[in-house]
Each structure stands twice: as structure tokens, then as C-alpha cells.
Amino acid sequence: MLRVDLHSHTTASDGSLRPRDLMESAAAAGIDVLALTDHDTLAGLDEAMQSAARCGVRLIPGLEFSVLHDGRTLHFLCYGFDALSPALERLTSMADSRTARARCIVDELAALGAPIAWTRVRELASGAIGRPHIAAALVEAGHARDIGDAFDRYLGEGKAAYRDAGRLDPVEAIRLIREAGGEAALAHPLSPRSKLDLDRLLPELIEAGLTGIEVFHSDHDRAATARLERVAVEEDLWWCGGSDFHGTPKPHIALGSMVVDESVLEQGPFVVRG
């Protein structure tokens, strides 16, 4: 039985492992199939594919797309797309907006009495700059106890230094993914941090073109997983699942700590390389 993890991140977004190191770690963890789903970028895919071929892990190209709905951030896990499609060129502008947002956050932190050096934030980010890199700089500077504390005090949605990155709405995001040949699933919908009203939200997203849902996730307890399994069947959605590994930014989540069996590959838009 294959061990499949459909949710992971690298330094191309906000993870702590380079793509090649992620694939090597996946092999060491006994993972047979791994999806790379960096936030709003495909920059790590080429390196990951080269490493996957060497270490014997089969790779699924993926993407975790951030969208804005009713003033709140949602995440879509996307698979099955053509990474070279012009429809995904919007990702480049989103990466630029992430950098601009990061600069605004650093400026706001200084105004709040928690100054950090922009040069240090850039050093901490091997790829796109995200809030975890700012959080790490806050910890280094003594303004927070740890990454979680930095988010709770400054960087989480609704906190004093939070800034949105100019995200797409769900309809536009799903349109882009489908134009590129892929499909989208709602990511970690019952994570305690998400606090989503799934009964209200899901019909709107399905109408917008959502076709899948992440059932298994490191932040889903048994009750949440069981509920999402029922939802997937009732709404005729394909399902996915994985660890959501980031490395240092989420030290409590080990790579492959949440795996699903190979039956997942039979019912979703997954394109396995290797």
C-alpha cells in the first residue's frame, strides 16, 4: 500500500526545507507519493522533480492558492494543472504583492515598538517572503517567545500588524486554475485556526467551481475528519489529505505525519510524476 502525502511546503514559499531536501526527507520518511503545494508559487517544482527522480519518490505538482472571501483568507489546494499555462502567470504578481505586504508589516511593527531589520527578514526567506519569516525575525529580536506567539500578538488575521496581500476572490482563483487544466479543493476547512462556517461557505464555493475538499489534515481531529468524509460523499467532492509540512515554522508537524492510502489517487485530479 502506497503512503501518500498531498500537502507540503518548501523554502519557495514559507517552509524551511529546500525542494530537493524535502524530497530526500520524504524518501527517508517512507513516503511513496508527495505533493508539493507551496503557497501561491510554482518556483520549487523544477528542483523538486529533479530530486524526486533521484530519491525514488513520486511527485505530484500542486499549489496552495490563497484567496479572499468576505474579508477572510481561504486556501485552495490545486492539482492537475499545466504548470506552464499562461493562466497561472498571475502568480508572479501575487509573489510581488507578498513582498510589498511584508515591507508594510515590517514598517508597522516598528511603529508598534517591535522593530526588526528588513535585511534579516530577506535573509530568513530563501524564496518568497511570508509572515513566518517575519515571525522568526521577531523571535530573534526578542519581541516574541516563538513563532506562534508572534502570530498571536502581531501577525495573525485581525492583529495590529496584519496586512492583506491583495488576494483574488474564489471565483477568479478557481477560474484561473480551471483554465490551466486543474481543479481546486478547500484546504484544512475544519482546522481550529480556520473557524469557518462550512455549512454556509461550502455551497458558495461549489457554485464558484470548487470540486474537492481536504478531509485528512494534521489539524483535523477524528470528529472533524469524520464530518468531512460525510461532506465529501454528500456533496460529491473528490478528497485529499496530507501533513501540511512546513518544517521550522510548524515544528509540531512532521513530514508524513498524516498520510493517506493510494485510493486517493483514483478519485481526484492528481498527476503523478515518476
C-alpha atoms as a PDB file:
ATOM      1  CA  MET A   1       0.000   0.000   0.000  1.00  0.00           C
ATOM      2  CA  LEU A   2       1.477   3.338  -1.049  1.00  0.00           C
ATOM      3  CA  ARG A   3       1.926   6.095   1.567  1.00  0.00           C
ATOM      4  CA  VAL A   4       0.694   9.402   0.099  1.00  0.00           C
ATOM      5  CA  ASP A   5       1.105  12.928   1.492  1.00  0.00           C
ATOM      6  CA  LEU A   6      -0.658  15.566  -0.613  1.00  0.00           C
ATOM      7  CA  HIS A   7       0.250  18.723   1.312  1.00  0.00           C
ATOM      8  CA  SER A   8       3.775  20.067   1.853  1.00  0.00           C
ATOM      9  CA  HIS A   9       5.810  23.278   1.606  1.00  0.00           C
ATOM     10  CA  THR A  10       9.381  24.373   0.878  1.00  0.00           C
ATOM     11  CA  THR A  11      11.532  27.493   1.001  1.00  0.00           C
ATOM     12  CA  ALA A  12       9.897  28.551  -2.272  1.00  0.00           C
ATOM     13  CA  SER A  13       7.069  29.780  -0.018  1.00  0.00           C
ATOM     14  CA  ASP A  14       7.131  29.513   3.776  1.00  0.00           C
ATOM     15  CA  GLY A  15       8.723  26.141   4.501  1.00  0.00           C
ATOM     16  CA  SER A  16      12.218  25.626   5.919  1.00  0.00           C
ATOM     17  CA  LEU A  17      13.499  22.886   3.557  1.00  0.00           C
ATOM     18  CA  ARG A  18      14.688  23.451   0.015  1.00  0.00           C
ATOM     19  CA  PRO A  19      12.696  21.449  -2.559  1.00  0.00           C
ATOM     20  CA  ARG A  20      15.494  18.899  -3.045  1.00  0.00           C
ATOM     21  CA  ASP A  21      15.821  18.445   0.725  1.00  0.00           C
ATOM     22  CA  LEU A  22      12.064  17.974   1.056  1.00  0.00           C
ATOM     23  CA  MET A  23      12.102  15.117  -1.437  1.00  0.00           C
ATOM     24  CA  GLU A  24      15.072  13.471   0.277  1.00  0.00           C
ATOM     25  CA  SER A  25      13.313  13.805   3.638  1.00  0.00           C
ATOM     26  CA  ALA A  26      10.171  12.285   2.137  1.00  0.00           C
ATOM     27  CA  ALA A  27      12.171   9.263   0.964  1.00  0.00           C
ATOM     28  CA  ALA A  28      13.708   8.895   4.432  1.00  0.00           C
ATOM     29  CA  ALA A  29      10.217   9.079   5.983  1.00  0.00           C
ATOM     30  CA  GLY A  30       8.954   6.252   3.779  1.00  0.00           C
ATOM     31  CA  ILE A  31       6.613   8.409   1.705  1.00  0.00           C
ATOM     32  CA  ASP A  32       5.933   6.968  -1.750  1.00  0.00           C
ATOM     33  CA  VAL A  33       3.976   9.879  -3.285  1.00  0.00           C
ATOM     34  CA  LEU A  34       4.339  13.523  -2.231  1.00  0.00           C
ATOM     35  CA  ALA A  35       2.540  16.623  -3.495  1.00  0.00           C
ATOM     36  CA  LEU A  36       4.453  19.899  -3.332  1.00  0.00           C
ATOM     37  CA  THR A  37       1.869  22.596  -2.584  1.00  0.00           C
ATOM     38  CA  ASP A  38       3.756  25.827  -1.920  1.00  0.00           C
ATOM     39  CA  HIS A  39       1.750  28.978  -1.280  1.00  0.00           C
ATOM     40  CA  ASP A  40       0.969  30.952  -4.447  1.00  0.00           C
ATOM     41  CA  THR A  41       4.106  29.865  -6.317  1.00  0.00           C
ATOM     42  CA  LEU A  42       5.407  27.064  -8.516  1.00  0.00           C
ATOM     43  CA  ALA A  43       9.033  28.141  -8.104  1.00  0.00           C
ATOM     44  CA  GLY A  44      10.096  24.973  -6.278  1.00  0.00           C
ATOM     45  CA  LEU A  45       8.690  22.424  -8.711  1.00  0.00           C
ATOM     46  CA  ASP A  46      11.650  22.026 -11.093  1.00  0.00           C
ATOM     47  CA  GLU A  47      14.136  21.371  -8.293  1.00  0.00           C
ATOM     48  CA  ALA A  48      11.696  19.026  -6.558  1.00  0.00           C
ATOM     49  CA  MET A  49      11.141  16.997  -9.732  1.00  0.00           C
ATOM     50  CA  GLN A  50      14.882  16.569 -10.278  1.00  0.00           C
ATOM     51  CA  SER A  51      15.380  15.414  -6.694  1.00  0.00           C
ATOM     52  CA  ALA A  52      12.325  13.128  -6.788  1.00  0.00           C
ATOM     53  CA  ALA A  53      13.776  11.247  -9.738  1.00  0.00           C
ATOM     54  CA  ARG A  54      16.998  10.638  -7.798  1.00  0.00           C
ATOM     55  CA  CYS A  55      15.483   9.543  -4.498  1.00  0.00           C
ATOM     56  CA  GLY A  56      12.610   7.432  -5.821  1.00  0.00           C
ATOM     57  CA  VAL A  57       9.674   9.492  -4.525  1.00  0.00           C
ATOM     58  CA  ARG A  58       6.834  10.100  -6.971  1.00  0.00           C
ATOM     59  CA  LEU A  59       5.926  13.789  -7.128  1.00  0.00           C
ATOM     60  CA  ILE A  60       2.546  15.438  -7.667  1.00  0.00           C
ATOM     61  CA  PRO A  61       2.803  19.104  -8.724  1.00  0.00           C
ATOM     62  CA  GLY A  62       0.444  21.126  -6.585  1.00  0.00           C
ATOM     63  CA  LEU A  63      -0.279  24.609  -5.332  1.00  0.00           C
ATOM     64  CA  GLU A  64      -1.905  26.143  -2.269  1.00  0.00           C
ATOM     65  CA  PHE A  65      -3.699  29.204  -3.603  1.00  0.00           C
ATOM     66  CA  SER A  66      -4.688  31.997  -1.185  1.00  0.00           C
ATOM     67  CA  VAL A  67      -7.998  33.758  -1.804  1.00  0.00           C
ATOM     68  CA  LEU A  68     -10.025  36.433  -0.042  1.00  0.00           C
ATOM     69  CA  HIS A  69     -13.687  35.781   0.775  1.00  0.00           C
ATOM     70  CA  ASP A  70     -15.812  38.142   2.877  1.00  0.00           C
ATOM     71  CA  GLY A  71     -12.670  39.718   4.299  1.00  0.00           C
ATOM     72  CA  ARG A  72     -11.110  36.404   5.332  1.00  0.00           C
ATOM     73  CA  THR A  73      -8.334  34.344   3.801  1.00  0.00           C
ATOM     74  CA  LEU A  74      -9.176  30.894   2.451  1.00  0.00           C
ATOM     75  CA  HIS A  75      -6.752  28.377   0.987  1.00  0.00           C
ATOM     76  CA  PHE A  76      -7.369  26.140  -2.020  1.00  0.00           C
ATOM     77  CA  LEU A  77      -5.261  23.062  -2.745  1.00  0.00           C
ATOM     78  CA  CYS A  78      -4.903  22.765  -6.510  1.00  0.00           C
ATOM     79  CA  TYR A  79      -3.764  19.777  -8.577  1.00  0.00           C
ATOM     80  CA  GLY A  80      -3.843  18.543 -12.165  1.00  0.00           C
ATOM     81  CA  PHE A  81      -2.894  21.861 -13.764  1.00  0.00           C
ATOM     82  CA  ASP A  82      -0.392  22.639 -16.509  1.00  0.00           C
ATOM     83  CA  ALA A  83       2.396  24.493 -14.707  1.00  0.00           C
ATOM     84  CA  LEU A  84       3.300  26.311 -17.947  1.00  0.00           C
ATOM     85  CA  SER A  85      -0.213  27.617 -18.576  1.00  0.00           C
ATOM     86  CA  PRO A  86      -0.447  31.403 -19.129  1.00  0.00           C
ATOM     87  CA  ALA A  87      -3.447  31.339 -16.789  1.00  0.00           C
ATOM     88  CA  LEU A  88      -1.049  30.907 -13.871  1.00  0.00           C
ATOM     89  CA  GLU A  89       1.104  33.924 -14.704  1.00  0.00           C
ATOM     90  CA  ARG A  90      -0.923  35.855 -12.126  1.00  0.00           C
ATOM     91  CA  LEU A  91       1.145  34.017  -9.508  1.00  0.00           C
ATOM     92  CA  THR A  92       4.116  36.244 -10.334  1.00  0.00           C
ATOM     93  CA  SER A  93       2.208  39.380  -9.453  1.00  0.00           C
ATOM     94  CA  MET A  94       0.970  37.701  -6.267  1.00  0.00           C
ATOM     95  CA  ALA A  95       4.574  36.995  -5.231  1.00  0.00           C
ATOM     96  CA  ASP A  96       5.343  40.688  -5.787  1.00  0.00           C
ATOM     97  CA  SER A  97       2.359  41.674  -3.639  1.00  0.00           C
ATOM     98  CA  ARG A  98       3.596  39.356  -0.867  1.00  0.00           C
ATOM     99  CA  THR A  99       6.904  41.254  -0.815  1.00  0.00           C
ATOM    100  CA  ALA A 100       5.124  44.600  -0.693  1.00  0.00           C
ATOM    101  CA  ARG A 101       2.926  43.340   2.128  1.00  0.00           C
ATOM    102  CA  ALA A 102       5.966  42.135   4.062  1.00  0.00           C
ATOM    103  CA  ARG A 103       7.566  45.584   3.817  1.00  0.00           C
ATOM    104  CA  CYS A 104       4.348  47.180   5.123  1.00  0.00           C
ATOM    105  CA  ILE A 105       4.236  44.729   8.034  1.00  0.00           C
ATOM    106  CA  VAL A 106       7.861  45.466   8.975  1.00  0.00           C
ATOM    107  CA  ASP A 107       7.117  49.196   8.928  1.00  0.00           C
ATOM    108  CA  GLU A 108       4.031  48.690  11.068  1.00  0.00           C
ATOM    109  CA  LEU A 109       5.943  46.577  13.574  1.00  0.00           C
ATOM    110  CA  ALA A 110       8.446  49.412  14.017  1.00  0.00           C
ATOM    111  CA  ALA A 111       5.566  51.787  14.721  1.00  0.00           C
ATOM    112  CA  LEU A 112       4.243  49.322  17.289  1.00  0.00           C
ATOM    113  CA  GLY A 113       7.566  49.261  19.127  1.00  0.00           C
ATOM    114  CA  ALA A 114       8.749  45.912  17.764  1.00  0.00           C
ATOM    115  CA  PRO A 115      11.381  46.859  15.178  1.00  0.00           C
ATOM    116  CA  ILE A 116      13.090  44.228  13.044  1.00  0.00           C
ATOM    117  CA  ALA A 117      15.566  44.574  10.187  1.00  0.00           C
ATOM    118  CA  TRP A 118      14.206  44.125   6.660  1.00  0.00           C
ATOM    119  CA  THR A 119      17.588  42.742   5.614  1.00  0.00           C
ATOM    120  CA  ARG A 120      17.221  39.988   8.224  1.00  0.00           C
ATOM    121  CA  VAL A 121      13.730  39.099   7.007  1.00  0.00           C
ATOM    122  CA  ARG A 122      15.101  38.713   3.483  1.00  0.00           C
ATOM    123  CA  GLU A 123      17.924  36.510   4.785  1.00  0.00           C
ATOM    124  CA  LEU A 124      15.433  34.235   6.526  1.00  0.00           C
ATOM    125  CA  ALA A 125      13.389  33.818   3.337  1.00  0.00           C
ATOM    126  CA  SER A 126      15.126  31.663   0.732  1.00  0.00           C
ATOM    127  CA  GLY A 127      12.180  32.192  -1.634  1.00  0.00           C
ATOM    128  CA  ALA A 128       9.012  34.264  -1.372  1.00  0.00           C
ATOM    129  CA  ILE A 129       8.782  36.336   1.805  1.00  0.00           C
ATOM    130  CA  GLY A 130       5.937  35.342   4.111  1.00  0.00           C
ATOM    131  CA  ARG A 131       4.729  36.035   7.614  1.00  0.00           C
ATOM    132  CA  PRO A 132       6.653  33.059   9.112  1.00  0.00           C
ATOM    133  CA  HIS A 133       9.916  34.762   8.109  1.00  0.00           C
ATOM    134  CA  ILE A 134       8.800  37.977   9.806  1.00  0.00           C
ATOM    135  CA  ALA A 135       7.764  35.942  12.828  1.00  0.00           C
ATOM    136  CA  ALA A 136      11.212  34.333  13.005  1.00  0.00           C
ATOM    137  CA  ALA A 137      12.818  37.784  12.910  1.00  0.00           C
ATOM    138  CA  LEU A 138      10.519  38.918  15.739  1.00  0.00           C
ATOM    139  CA  VAL A 139      11.619  35.944  17.849  1.00  0.00           C
ATOM    140  CA  GLU A 140      15.300  36.648  17.123  1.00  0.00           C
ATOM    141  CA  ALA A 141      14.844  40.284  18.111  1.00  0.00           C
ATOM    142  CA  GLY A 142      13.209  39.299  21.402  1.00  0.00           C
ATOM    143  CA  HIS A 143       9.754  40.651  20.547  1.00  0.00           C
ATOM    144  CA  ALA A 144       8.034  37.232  20.729  1.00  0.00           C
ATOM    145  CA  ARG A 145       8.645  33.961  22.563  1.00  0.00           C
ATOM    146  CA  ASP A 146       8.184  31.779  19.500  1.00  0.00           C
ATOM    147  CA  ILE A 147       6.561  31.724  16.059  1.00  0.00           C
ATOM    148  CA  GLY A 148       3.087  31.088  17.480  1.00  0.00           C
ATOM    149  CA  ASP A 149       3.413  33.972  19.906  1.00  0.00           C
ATOM    150  CA  ALA A 150       4.466  36.291  17.068  1.00  0.00           C
ATOM    151  CA  PHE A 151       1.299  35.416  15.149  1.00  0.00           C
ATOM    152  CA  ASP A 152      -0.904  35.678  18.235  1.00  0.00           C
ATOM    153  CA  ARG A 153       0.463  39.097  19.162  1.00  0.00           C
ATOM    154  CA  TYR A 154       1.215  40.755  15.829  1.00  0.00           C
ATOM    155  CA  LEU A 155       0.784  38.821  12.577  1.00  0.00           C
ATOM    156  CA  GLY A 156      -2.432  36.784  12.671  1.00  0.00           C
ATOM    157  CA  GLU A 157      -5.575  37.984  10.913  1.00  0.00           C
ATOM    158  CA  GLY A 158      -7.097  40.823  12.916  1.00  0.00           C
ATOM    159  CA  LYS A 159      -3.849  41.569  14.793  1.00  0.00           C
ATOM    160  CA  ALA A 160      -2.227  45.003  14.763  1.00  0.00           C
ATOM    161  CA  ALA A 161       0.453  44.297  12.132  1.00  0.00           C
ATOM    162  CA  TYR A 162      -1.608  42.072   9.825  1.00  0.00           C
ATOM    163  CA  ARG A 163      -1.894  43.227   6.232  1.00  0.00           C
ATOM    164  CA  ASP A 164      -3.656  41.502   3.348  1.00  0.00           C
ATOM    165  CA  ALA A 165      -1.678  40.707   0.214  1.00  0.00           C
ATOM    166  CA  GLY A 166      -4.276  41.686  -2.389  1.00  0.00           C
ATOM    167  CA  ARG A 167      -5.615  38.192  -2.925  1.00  0.00           C
ATOM    168  CA  LEU A 168      -8.011  37.023  -5.618  1.00  0.00           C
ATOM    169  CA  ASP A 169     -11.617  36.168  -4.824  1.00  0.00           C
ATOM    170  CA  PRO A 170     -12.626  32.473  -5.004  1.00  0.00           C
ATOM    171  CA  VAL A 171     -14.405  32.772  -8.362  1.00  0.00           C
ATOM    172  CA  GLU A 172     -11.379  34.308 -10.085  1.00  0.00           C
ATOM    173  CA  ALA A 173      -8.924  31.918  -8.437  1.00  0.00           C
ATOM    174  CA  ILE A 174     -10.912  28.830  -9.424  1.00  0.00           C
ATOM    175  CA  ARG A 175     -11.314  30.195 -12.952  1.00  0.00           C
ATOM    176  CA  LEU A 176      -7.539  30.540 -13.313  1.00  0.00           C
ATOM    177  CA  ILE A 177      -6.893  27.041 -12.010  1.00  0.00           C
ATOM    178  CA  ARG A 178      -9.511  25.513 -14.311  1.00  0.00           C
ATOM    179  CA  GLU A 179      -8.171  27.440 -17.301  1.00  0.00           C
ATOM    180  CA  ALA A 180      -4.821  25.818 -16.508  1.00  0.00           C
ATOM    181  CA  GLY A 181      -6.482  22.382 -16.568  1.00  0.00           C
ATOM    182  CA  GLY A 182      -6.605  21.870 -12.803  1.00  0.00           C
ATOM    183  CA  GLU A 183      -9.148  21.674 -10.020  1.00  0.00           C
ATOM    184  CA  ALA A 184      -9.355  23.135  -6.516  1.00  0.00           C
ATOM    185  CA  ALA A 185     -10.128  21.709  -3.074  1.00  0.00           C
ATOM    186  CA  LEU A 186     -10.860  23.679   0.091  1.00  0.00           C
ATOM    187  CA  ALA A 187      -7.819  23.274   2.360  1.00  0.00           C
ATOM    188  CA  HIS A 188      -7.984  22.371   6.081  1.00  0.00           C
ATOM    189  CA  PRO A 189     -11.620  23.538   6.385  1.00  0.00           C
ATOM    190  CA  LEU A 190     -12.070  22.424  10.000  1.00  0.00           C
ATOM    191  CA  SER A 191      -8.714  23.446  11.387  1.00  0.00           C
ATOM    192  CA  PRO A 192      -9.288  25.226  14.722  1.00  0.00           C
ATOM    193  CA  ARG A 193      -7.477  28.269  13.327  1.00  0.00           C
ATOM    194  CA  SER A 194      -9.758  28.453  10.281  1.00  0.00           C
ATOM    195  CA  LYS A 195     -13.015  28.910  12.205  1.00  0.00           C
ATOM    196  CA  LEU A 196     -15.055  28.510   9.026  1.00  0.00           C
ATOM    197  CA  ASP A 197     -18.818  28.201   8.874  1.00  0.00           C
ATOM    198  CA  LEU A 198     -18.656  25.252   6.493  1.00  0.00           C
ATOM    199  CA  ASP A 199     -22.423  24.851   6.097  1.00  0.00           C
ATOM    200  CA  ARG A 200     -22.735  28.432   4.852  1.00  0.00           C
ATOM    201  CA  LEU A 201     -19.475  28.645   2.940  1.00  0.00           C
ATOM    202  CA  LEU A 202     -19.309  25.376   1.030  1.00  0.00           C
ATOM    203  CA  PRO A 203     -22.392  25.871  -1.215  1.00  0.00           C
ATOM    204  CA  GLU A 204     -21.000  29.251  -2.318  1.00  0.00           C
ATOM    205  CA  LEU A 205     -17.629  27.741  -3.187  1.00  0.00           C
ATOM    206  CA  ILE A 206     -19.161  24.797  -5.039  1.00  0.00           C
ATOM    207  CA  GLU A 207     -21.211  27.238  -7.096  1.00  0.00           C
ATOM    208  CA  ALA A 208     -17.945  29.056  -7.866  1.00  0.00           C
ATOM    209  CA  GLY A 209     -16.436  25.823  -9.216  1.00  0.00           C
ATOM    210  CA  LEU A 210     -14.857  24.104  -6.203  1.00  0.00           C
ATOM    211  CA  THR A 211     -14.786  20.329  -6.775  1.00  0.00           C
ATOM    212  CA  GLY A 212     -12.711  18.944  -3.883  1.00  0.00           C
ATOM    213  CA  ILE A 213     -12.098  19.124  -0.143  1.00  0.00           C
ATOM    214  CA  GLU A 214      -9.191  18.300   2.169  1.00  0.00           C
ATOM    215  CA  VAL A 215     -10.522  15.655   4.537  1.00  0.00           C
ATOM    216  CA  PHE A 216      -7.344  14.499   6.282  1.00  0.00           C
ATOM    217  CA  HIS A 217      -5.074  17.141   7.826  1.00  0.00           C
ATOM    218  CA  SER A 218      -2.753  17.359  10.813  1.00  0.00           C
ATOM    219  CA  ASP A 219      -5.090  19.885  12.486  1.00  0.00           C
ATOM    220  CA  HIS A 220      -8.257  17.808  11.972  1.00  0.00           C
ATOM    221  CA  ASP A 221      -9.289  15.644  14.888  1.00  0.00           C
ATOM    222  CA  ARG A 222     -11.310  12.447  14.452  1.00  0.00           C
ATOM    223  CA  ALA A 223     -14.656  14.237  14.661  1.00  0.00           C
ATOM    224  CA  ALA A 224     -13.614  16.788  12.033  1.00  0.00           C
ATOM    225  CA  THR A 225     -12.295  14.077   9.720  1.00  0.00           C
ATOM    226  CA  ALA A 226     -15.469  12.022  10.047  1.00  0.00           C
ATOM    227  CA  ARG A 227     -17.628  15.062   9.303  1.00  0.00           C
ATOM    228  CA  LEU A 228     -15.564  15.941   6.230  1.00  0.00           C
ATOM    229  CA  GLU A 229     -15.763  12.375   4.931  1.00  0.00           C
ATOM    230  CA  ARG A 230     -19.561  12.672   5.069  1.00  0.00           C
ATOM    231  CA  VAL A 231     -19.461  16.083   3.381  1.00  0.00           C
ATOM    232  CA  ALA A 232     -17.307  14.740   0.546  1.00  0.00           C
ATOM    233  CA  VAL A 233     -19.810  11.970  -0.137  1.00  0.00           C
ATOM    234  CA  GLU A 234     -22.924  14.137   0.238  1.00  0.00           C
ATOM    235  CA  GLU A 235     -21.577  16.927  -1.997  1.00  0.00           C
ATOM    236  CA  ASP A 236     -19.875  14.556  -4.478  1.00  0.00           C
ATOM    237  CA  LEU A 237     -16.460  16.145  -3.917  1.00  0.00           C
ATOM    238  CA  TRP A 238     -13.114  14.452  -4.502  1.00  0.00           C
ATOM    239  CA  TRP A 239     -10.980  14.432  -1.375  1.00  0.00           C
ATOM    240  CA  CYS A 240      -7.344  14.857  -0.446  1.00  0.00           C
ATOM    241  CA  GLY A 241      -5.211  14.830   2.675  1.00  0.00           C
ATOM    242  CA  GLY A 242      -1.715  15.383   3.988  1.00  0.00           C
ATOM    243  CA  SER A 243       0.524  16.642   6.733  1.00  0.00           C
ATOM    244  CA  ASP A 244       0.837  20.332   5.698  1.00  0.00           C
ATOM    245  CA  PHE A 245       4.535  20.049   6.500  1.00  0.00           C
ATOM    246  CA  HIS A 246       6.473  23.334   6.774  1.00  0.00           C
ATOM    247  CA  GLY A 247       9.433  22.369   8.946  1.00  0.00           C
ATOM    248  CA  THR A 248      10.638  25.007  11.404  1.00  0.00           C
ATOM    249  CA  PRO A 249       7.564  27.309  11.059  1.00  0.00           C
ATOM    250  CA  LYS A 250       5.337  24.418  12.213  1.00  0.00           C
ATOM    251  CA  PRO A 251       7.664  22.206  14.271  1.00  0.00           C
ATOM    252  CA  HIS A 252       4.791  20.116  15.645  1.00  0.00           C
ATOM    253  CA  ILE A 253       4.016  18.714  12.168  1.00  0.00           C
ATOM    254  CA  ALA A 254       6.394  16.048  10.878  1.00  0.00           C
ATOM    255  CA  LEU A 255       6.625  15.179   7.203  1.00  0.00           C
ATOM    256  CA  GLY A 256       4.365  12.187   6.587  1.00  0.00           C
ATOM    257  CA  SER A 257       2.686  12.512   9.992  1.00  0.00           C
ATOM    258  CA  MET A 258      -0.605  12.499   8.093  1.00  0.00           C
ATOM    259  CA  VAL A 259      -0.667  10.156   5.104  1.00  0.00           C
ATOM    260  CA  VAL A 260      -3.491   8.681   3.047  1.00  0.00           C
ATOM    261  CA  ASP A 261      -3.538   5.486   1.033  1.00  0.00           C
ATOM    262  CA  GLU A 262      -3.284   5.190  -2.725  1.00  0.00           C
ATOM    263  CA  SER A 263      -7.067   5.090  -3.210  1.00  0.00           C
ATOM    264  CA  VAL A 264      -6.936   8.903  -3.060  1.00  0.00           C
ATOM    265  CA  LEU A 265      -5.200   8.913  -6.441  1.00  0.00           C
ATOM    266  CA  GLU A 266      -8.126   7.186  -8.115  1.00  0.00           C
ATOM    267  CA  GLN A 267     -10.736   9.881  -7.474  1.00  0.00           C
ATOM    268  CA  GLY A 268      -9.041  13.269  -7.822  1.00  0.00           C
ATOM    269  CA  PRO A 269      -7.234  15.333 -10.471  1.00  0.00           C
ATOM    270  CA  PHE A 270      -3.807  14.084  -9.418  1.00  0.00           C
ATOM    271  CA  VAL A 271      -0.998  13.856 -11.975  1.00  0.00           C
ATOM    272  CA  VAL A 272       1.853  11.727 -10.595  1.00  0.00           C
ATOM    273  CA  ARG A 273       5.350  12.288 -11.977  1.00  0.00           C
ATOM    274  CA  GLY A 274       7.829   9.433 -11.818  1.00  0.00           C
END
